[in-house]
Amino acid sequence: MNNSVEQGGTYGYCNRTSTPQYAVWWEMYPINAVQGVFHISAGDMITASVNYVAPQFVITVKDVTTGKSFTQRETCDPVSATRPR
């Protein structure tokens, strides 16, 4: 077992004018923090998946409503992934 987290999805936040914003993101913890990718709209249908295709994780997030998608392929560093947090 390792301590890595491979994930992708969506998040919402309010900008400085309190206007809601929504975006697609991915993360490969502990290698990197959350990475924003592209903006989406409230109500968009989203699919997300993480698959292991040796030796990489494939993180895919798709906005089904607009057809825009993102795929990130990352190799998990076994040394950093097994360090205690």
C-alpha atoms as a PDB file:
ATOM      1  CA  MET A   1       0.000   0.000   0.000  1.00  0.00           C
ATOM      2  CA  ASN A   2       1.192   3.526  -0.701  1.00  0.00           C
ATOM      3  CA  ASN A   3       0.032   6.941   0.447  1.00  0.00           C
ATOM      4  CA  SER A   4      -0.623   8.483  -2.944  1.00  0.00           C
ATOM      5  CA  VAL A   5      -3.931  10.023  -4.009  1.00  0.00           C
ATOM      6  CA  GLU A   6      -4.840  10.228  -7.695  1.00  0.00           C
ATOM      7  CA  GLN A   7      -7.989  12.200  -8.380  1.00  0.00           C
ATOM      8  CA  GLY A   8      -9.811  14.574 -10.670  1.00  0.00           C
ATOM      9  CA  GLY A   9     -13.112  16.404 -10.498  1.00  0.00           C
ATOM     10  CA  THR A  10     -14.748  19.797 -10.213  1.00  0.00           C
ATOM     11  CA  TYR A  11     -14.820  22.582  -7.658  1.00  0.00           C
ATOM     12  CA  GLY A  12     -16.728  25.790  -7.094  1.00  0.00           C
ATOM     13  CA  TYR A  13     -15.534  29.005  -5.513  1.00  0.00           C
ATOM     14  CA  CYS A  14     -16.526  32.653  -5.283  1.00  0.00           C
ATOM     15  CA  ASN A  15     -14.265  35.220  -6.891  1.00  0.00           C
ATOM     16  CA  ARG A  16     -13.520  38.635  -5.392  1.00  0.00           C
ATOM     17  CA  THR A  17     -16.935  39.941  -6.457  1.00  0.00           C
ATOM     18  CA  SER A  18     -18.668  36.913  -4.881  1.00  0.00           C
ATOM     19  CA  THR A  19     -19.590  35.562  -8.316  1.00  0.00           C
ATOM     20  CA  PRO A  20     -19.566  31.749  -8.334  1.00  0.00           C
ATOM     21  CA  GLN A  21     -16.949  30.155 -10.596  1.00  0.00           C
ATOM     22  CA  TYR A  22     -16.602  26.452 -11.415  1.00  0.00           C
ATOM     23  CA  ALA A  23     -13.633  24.549 -12.788  1.00  0.00           C
ATOM     24  CA  VAL A  24     -12.181  21.113 -13.565  1.00  0.00           C
ATOM     25  CA  TRP A  25      -9.114  20.044 -11.580  1.00  0.00           C
ATOM     26  CA  TRP A  26      -6.733  17.142 -11.031  1.00  0.00           C
ATOM     27  CA  GLU A  27      -4.277  16.162  -8.319  1.00  0.00           C
ATOM     28  CA  MET A  28      -1.542  13.589  -7.846  1.00  0.00           C
ATOM     29  CA  TYR A  29      -0.767  13.870  -4.135  1.00  0.00           C
ATOM     30  CA  PRO A  30       1.924  14.021  -2.758  1.00  0.00           C
ATOM     31  CA  ILE A  31       3.641  14.813  -6.074  1.00  0.00           C
ATOM     32  CA  ASN A  32       1.601  17.957  -6.740  1.00  0.00           C
ATOM     33  CA  ALA A  33      -1.269  19.964  -5.325  1.00  0.00           C
ATOM     34  CA  VAL A  34      -4.632  20.549  -6.994  1.00  0.00           C
ATOM     35  CA  GLN A  35      -4.186  21.838 -10.558  1.00  0.00           C
ATOM     36  CA  GLY A  36      -7.008  23.829 -12.142  1.00  0.00           C
ATOM     37  CA  VAL A  37      -7.580  23.011 -15.811  1.00  0.00           C
ATOM     38  CA  PHE A  38     -10.575  24.784 -17.366  1.00  0.00           C
ATOM     39  CA  HIS A  39     -13.759  26.561 -16.326  1.00  0.00           C
ATOM     40  CA  ILE A  40     -17.180  24.949 -16.553  1.00  0.00           C
ATOM     41  CA  SER A  41     -20.730  26.221 -16.032  1.00  0.00           C
ATOM     42  CA  ALA A  42     -23.191  25.442 -13.266  1.00  0.00           C
ATOM     43  CA  GLY A  43     -25.416  22.569 -14.359  1.00  0.00           C
ATOM     44  CA  ASP A  44     -22.914  21.020 -16.793  1.00  0.00           C
ATOM     45  CA  MET A  45     -22.809  17.214 -16.751  1.00  0.00           C
ATOM     46  CA  ILE A  46     -19.323  16.000 -15.801  1.00  0.00           C
ATOM     47  CA  THR A  47     -17.675  12.573 -15.870  1.00  0.00           C
ATOM     48  CA  ALA A  48     -14.376  11.739 -14.200  1.00  0.00           C
ATOM     49  CA  SER A  49     -12.207   8.649 -13.983  1.00  0.00           C
ATOM     50  CA  VAL A  50      -8.819   7.508 -12.748  1.00  0.00           C
ATOM     51  CA  ASN A  51      -7.321   4.358 -14.241  1.00  0.00           C
ATOM     52  CA  TYR A  52      -3.993   2.668 -13.720  1.00  0.00           C
ATOM     53  CA  VAL A  53      -2.304   1.782 -17.005  1.00  0.00           C
ATOM     54  CA  ALA A  54       1.128   0.579 -15.892  1.00  0.00           C
ATOM     55  CA  PRO A  55       3.250   2.435 -15.091  1.00  0.00           C
ATOM     56  CA  GLN A  56       0.977   5.511 -15.120  1.00  0.00           C
ATOM     57  CA  PHE A  57      -2.266   6.761 -13.675  1.00  0.00           C
ATOM     58  CA  VAL A  58      -4.604   8.251 -16.268  1.00  0.00           C
ATOM     59  CA  ILE A  59      -6.850  10.995 -14.862  1.00  0.00           C
ATOM     60  CA  THR A  60      -9.675  12.083 -17.177  1.00  0.00           C
ATOM     61  CA  VAL A  61     -12.377  14.689 -16.582  1.00  0.00           C
ATOM     62  CA  LYS A  62     -14.919  15.517 -19.276  1.00  0.00           C
ATOM     63  CA  ASP A  63     -17.604  18.178 -19.509  1.00  0.00           C
ATOM     64  CA  VAL A  64     -20.230  16.123 -21.342  1.00  0.00           C
ATOM     65  CA  THR A  65     -22.354  19.231 -21.881  1.00  0.00           C
ATOM     66  CA  THR A  66     -19.698  21.106 -23.904  1.00  0.00           C
ATOM     67  CA  GLY A  67     -17.548  18.174 -25.032  1.00  0.00           C
ATOM     68  CA  LYS A  68     -14.410  19.698 -23.529  1.00  0.00           C
ATOM     69  CA  SER A  69     -12.159  17.175 -21.791  1.00  0.00           C
ATOM     70  CA  PHE A  70      -8.850  16.835 -20.043  1.00  0.00           C
ATOM     71  CA  THR A  71      -6.538  13.847 -19.612  1.00  0.00           C
ATOM     72  CA  GLN A  72      -3.413  13.792 -17.478  1.00  0.00           C
ATOM     73  CA  ARG A  73      -0.981  10.877 -17.384  1.00  0.00           C
ATOM     74  CA  GLU A  74       1.302  10.727 -14.362  1.00  0.00           C
ATOM     75  CA  THR A  75       3.713   8.162 -13.000  1.00  0.00           C
ATOM     76  CA  CYS A  76       3.491   7.846  -9.240  1.00  0.00           C
ATOM     77  CA  ASP A  77       6.859   8.306  -7.563  1.00  0.00           C
ATOM     78  CA  PRO A  78       7.053   5.295  -5.217  1.00  0.00           C
ATOM     79  CA  VAL A  79       9.575   6.996  -2.923  1.00  0.00           C
ATOM     80  CA  SER A  80       7.527  10.133  -2.226  1.00  0.00           C
ATOM     81  CA  ALA A  81       4.243   8.217  -2.207  1.00  0.00           C
ATOM     82  CA  THR A  82       5.367   5.978   0.659  1.00  0.00           C
ATOM     83  CA  ARG A  83       6.759   8.735   2.901  1.00  0.00           C
ATOM     84  CA  PRO A  84       4.716   9.294   6.071  1.00  0.00           C
ATOM     85  CA  ARG A  85       2.562  12.432   5.974  1.00  0.00           C
END
